[in-house]
Structure formats: structure tokens, C-alpha cells
Protein backbone atom coordinates (compact mmCIF):
# COMPACT_ATOMS: atom_id res chain seq x y z
CA MET A 1 0.00 0.00 0.00
CA PRO A 2 1.91 3.09 -1.15
CA ILE A 3 1.86 6.27 0.90
CA LEU A 4 2.68 9.44 -0.98
CA ILE A 5 3.59 12.66 0.81
CA ASN A 6 3.55 15.97 -0.99
CA ASN A 7 4.42 19.32 0.61
CA GLN A 8 2.94 22.36 -1.16
CA ARG A 9 3.38 26.10 -0.61
CA ARG A 10 0.65 28.48 -1.72
CA LYS A 11 -0.06 32.17 -1.37
CA ASN A 12 -3.58 33.20 -0.53
CA LYS A 13 -5.30 36.55 -1.15
CA MET A 14 -3.55 38.20 1.78
CA ALA A 15 -0.12 37.17 0.35
CA LYS A 16 0.49 34.91 3.33
CA ASN A 17 2.41 31.72 2.58
CA THR A 18 0.65 28.55 3.66
CA LYS A 19 2.13 25.11 3.59
CA THR A 20 -0.07 22.07 3.11
CA ILE A 21 1.10 18.51 3.65
CA ASN A 22 -0.84 16.03 1.51
CA ILE A 23 -0.72 12.36 2.45
CA SER A 24 -2.28 9.91 -0.02
CA ILE A 25 -2.97 6.26 0.76
CA SER A 26 -4.13 3.87 -1.93
CA GLY A 27 -5.02 0.22 -1.60
CA LYS A 28 -5.97 -2.54 -4.04
CA GLU A 29 -9.59 -3.35 -4.82
CA GLY A 30 -10.73 0.06 -3.53
CA THR A 31 -12.46 -1.07 -0.35
CA PHE A 32 -12.21 0.22 3.20
CA SER A 33 -11.85 -3.30 4.55
CA SER A 34 -8.81 -4.01 2.40
CA ILE A 35 -7.20 -0.73 3.47
CA PHE A 36 -7.93 -1.12 7.18
CA SER A 37 -7.11 -4.81 7.35
CA LYS A 38 -3.76 -4.00 5.78
CA ILE A 39 -3.23 -1.19 8.27
CA LYS A 40 -3.92 -3.58 11.19
CA GLY A 41 -1.59 -6.21 9.82
CA GLU A 42 1.33 -3.99 8.84
CA GLY A 43 4.73 -4.60 10.38
CA LYS A 44 6.21 -2.37 13.06
CA ASN A 45 8.50 -0.44 10.67
CA SER A 46 6.15 -0.09 7.70
CA ASP A 47 5.03 3.30 6.37
CA VAL A 48 1.41 2.57 7.28
CA SER A 49 2.37 1.67 10.85
CA LYS A 50 4.30 4.93 11.10
CA LEU A 51 1.32 6.83 9.71
CA ARG A 52 -0.91 5.32 12.40
CA HIS A 53 1.57 6.44 15.05
CA LEU A 54 1.72 9.86 13.43
CA LEU A 55 -1.98 10.47 14.02
CA SER A 56 -1.88 10.42 17.84
CA ASN A 57 -3.10 13.07 20.26
CA GLU A 58 0.38 13.46 21.75
CA LYS A 59 1.91 14.22 18.37
CA ALA A 60 -0.87 16.69 17.57
CA ARG A 61 -0.17 18.41 20.91
CA LEU A 62 3.58 18.37 20.18
CA LEU A 63 3.02 20.01 16.77
CA HIS A 64 0.73 22.65 18.28
CA ILE A 65 3.17 23.59 21.06
CA ALA A 66 6.16 23.59 18.68
CA LYS A 67 4.31 25.88 16.26
CA THR A 68 2.82 28.30 18.81
CA LYS A 69 5.58 28.46 21.47
CA GLN A 70 8.56 28.02 19.11
CA PRO A 71 10.94 26.44 21.67
CA GLU A 72 14.66 26.81 21.02
CA SER A 73 15.43 23.11 21.54
CA ILE A 74 13.92 19.65 21.82
CA TYR A 75 14.71 19.75 25.54
CA LYS A 76 12.66 22.95 26.00
CA LEU A 77 9.82 21.43 23.95
CA ALA A 78 9.85 18.36 26.24
CA LYS A 79 9.64 20.67 29.27
CA LEU A 80 6.71 22.59 27.75
CA LEU A 81 4.92 19.30 27.07
CA ASN A 82 5.84 17.93 30.52
CA ARG A 83 7.10 14.77 28.81
CA ASP A 84 10.27 12.70 28.86
CA PHE A 85 12.99 13.98 26.48
CA LYS A 86 13.51 10.53 24.85
CA ALA A 87 9.79 10.14 24.13
CA VAL A 88 9.61 13.62 22.59
CA ARG A 89 12.75 12.94 20.52
CA HIS A 90 11.19 9.69 19.24
CA ASP A 91 7.97 11.49 18.26
CA ILE A 92 9.96 14.23 16.52
CA LYS A 93 11.87 11.61 14.54
CA ILE A 94 8.57 10.25 13.16
CA LEU A 95 7.18 13.74 12.49
CA GLU A 96 10.42 14.73 10.75
CA GLU A 97 10.28 11.61 8.55
CA PHE A 98 6.83 12.65 7.29
CA GLY A 99 7.86 16.29 6.81
CA PHE A 100 5.81 17.80 9.65
CA ILE A 101 8.82 19.10 11.59
CA GLU A 102 12.21 20.34 10.53
CA LEU A 103 15.14 20.38 12.95
CA VAL A 104 17.22 23.54 12.60
CA THR A 105 20.74 23.46 14.04
CA SER A 106 22.04 26.34 16.10
CA ASN A 107 24.85 26.85 18.61
CA LYS A 108 24.56 28.30 22.09
CA LYS A 109 27.44 28.40 24.56
CA ASN A 110 29.47 25.89 22.54
CA ARG A 111 26.53 23.46 22.44
CA GLU A 112 24.64 22.38 19.38
CA LEU A 113 20.87 22.80 19.71
CA LEU A 114 18.22 21.25 17.47
CA ARG A 115 15.27 23.61 17.23
CA PRO A 116 11.99 21.96 16.12
CA VAL A 117 10.26 24.08 13.48
CA VAL A 118 6.71 23.49 12.23
CA ASP A 119 5.86 25.52 9.14
CA ALA A 120 2.82 23.59 7.88
CA ASP A 121 -0.59 25.17 8.33
CA LYS A 122 -2.74 22.29 7.12
CA VAL A 123 -2.59 18.50 6.70
CA VAL A 124 -4.78 16.73 4.14
CA ILE A 125 -5.08 12.93 4.21
CA THR A 126 -6.62 11.23 1.18
CA ILE A 127 -7.51 7.54 1.07
CA SER A 128 -8.04 6.29 -2.48
CA LEU A 129 -10.73 3.66 -2.77
């Protein structure tokens, strides 16, 4: 079952840039049951399994806080979320793989910081039948 991800930038009437992430899922035979049975049975490291993990409440909260609070590091984001650093780093890795977050490198007091940046405004998921 192929998953296609397409990032698009558009300007609206107010000349504001918006970024949309389009995720397309297509299955054989065009039925919901074939799509969802495949999603249930997918292996741990498959794209579909990662997509299922992507659509969690914790990741939605992480994206919202990263976009609105703009923390300067993953550590600060973990503190804002009141979550363990390793768990937040794992979630960011998945979000980065799908293009939802970009990690920007900066230096502060001889330390390298990875700043999580969310520049998407909208996510569209399409399931082809």
C-alpha cells in the first residue's frame, strides 16, 4: 500500500504563505476493509504503521506547542509538554520523517541545539478507494 507525501506552498489573497502537507494512501480493490485490514496487519517499521503512530493526540499536541511556542530546543519542547525527552525525541523523529517538523541546528554556549520548526498550516489525508 503506497503512501505518498507531498508538501505544497501556496499564497492566498492576503499574500500569506501557507504550507499544506498532503498524504495519499491507496489500496488494491478500492475497499475500506482491504485498506484497514492491511493497516492492522502492517509490520512495526512499515510506512502505514508509522502513519498510524503519526496520528496520535500526543503528536498533535507536540506540533501545536512547537508551532505556537517556538521552543529553542527539543529539551525545551519536552519541558513545555511535561514529557520525557527521549519520548519527545522519538515522536519528533517520526514527524520529521513525514515532513511535519524540521530540525534547525544552532549553537549556544558551545553546544549544538536542534530547534523543532513546524511551518505547515494544514494536513490533508486522502484515502483512495
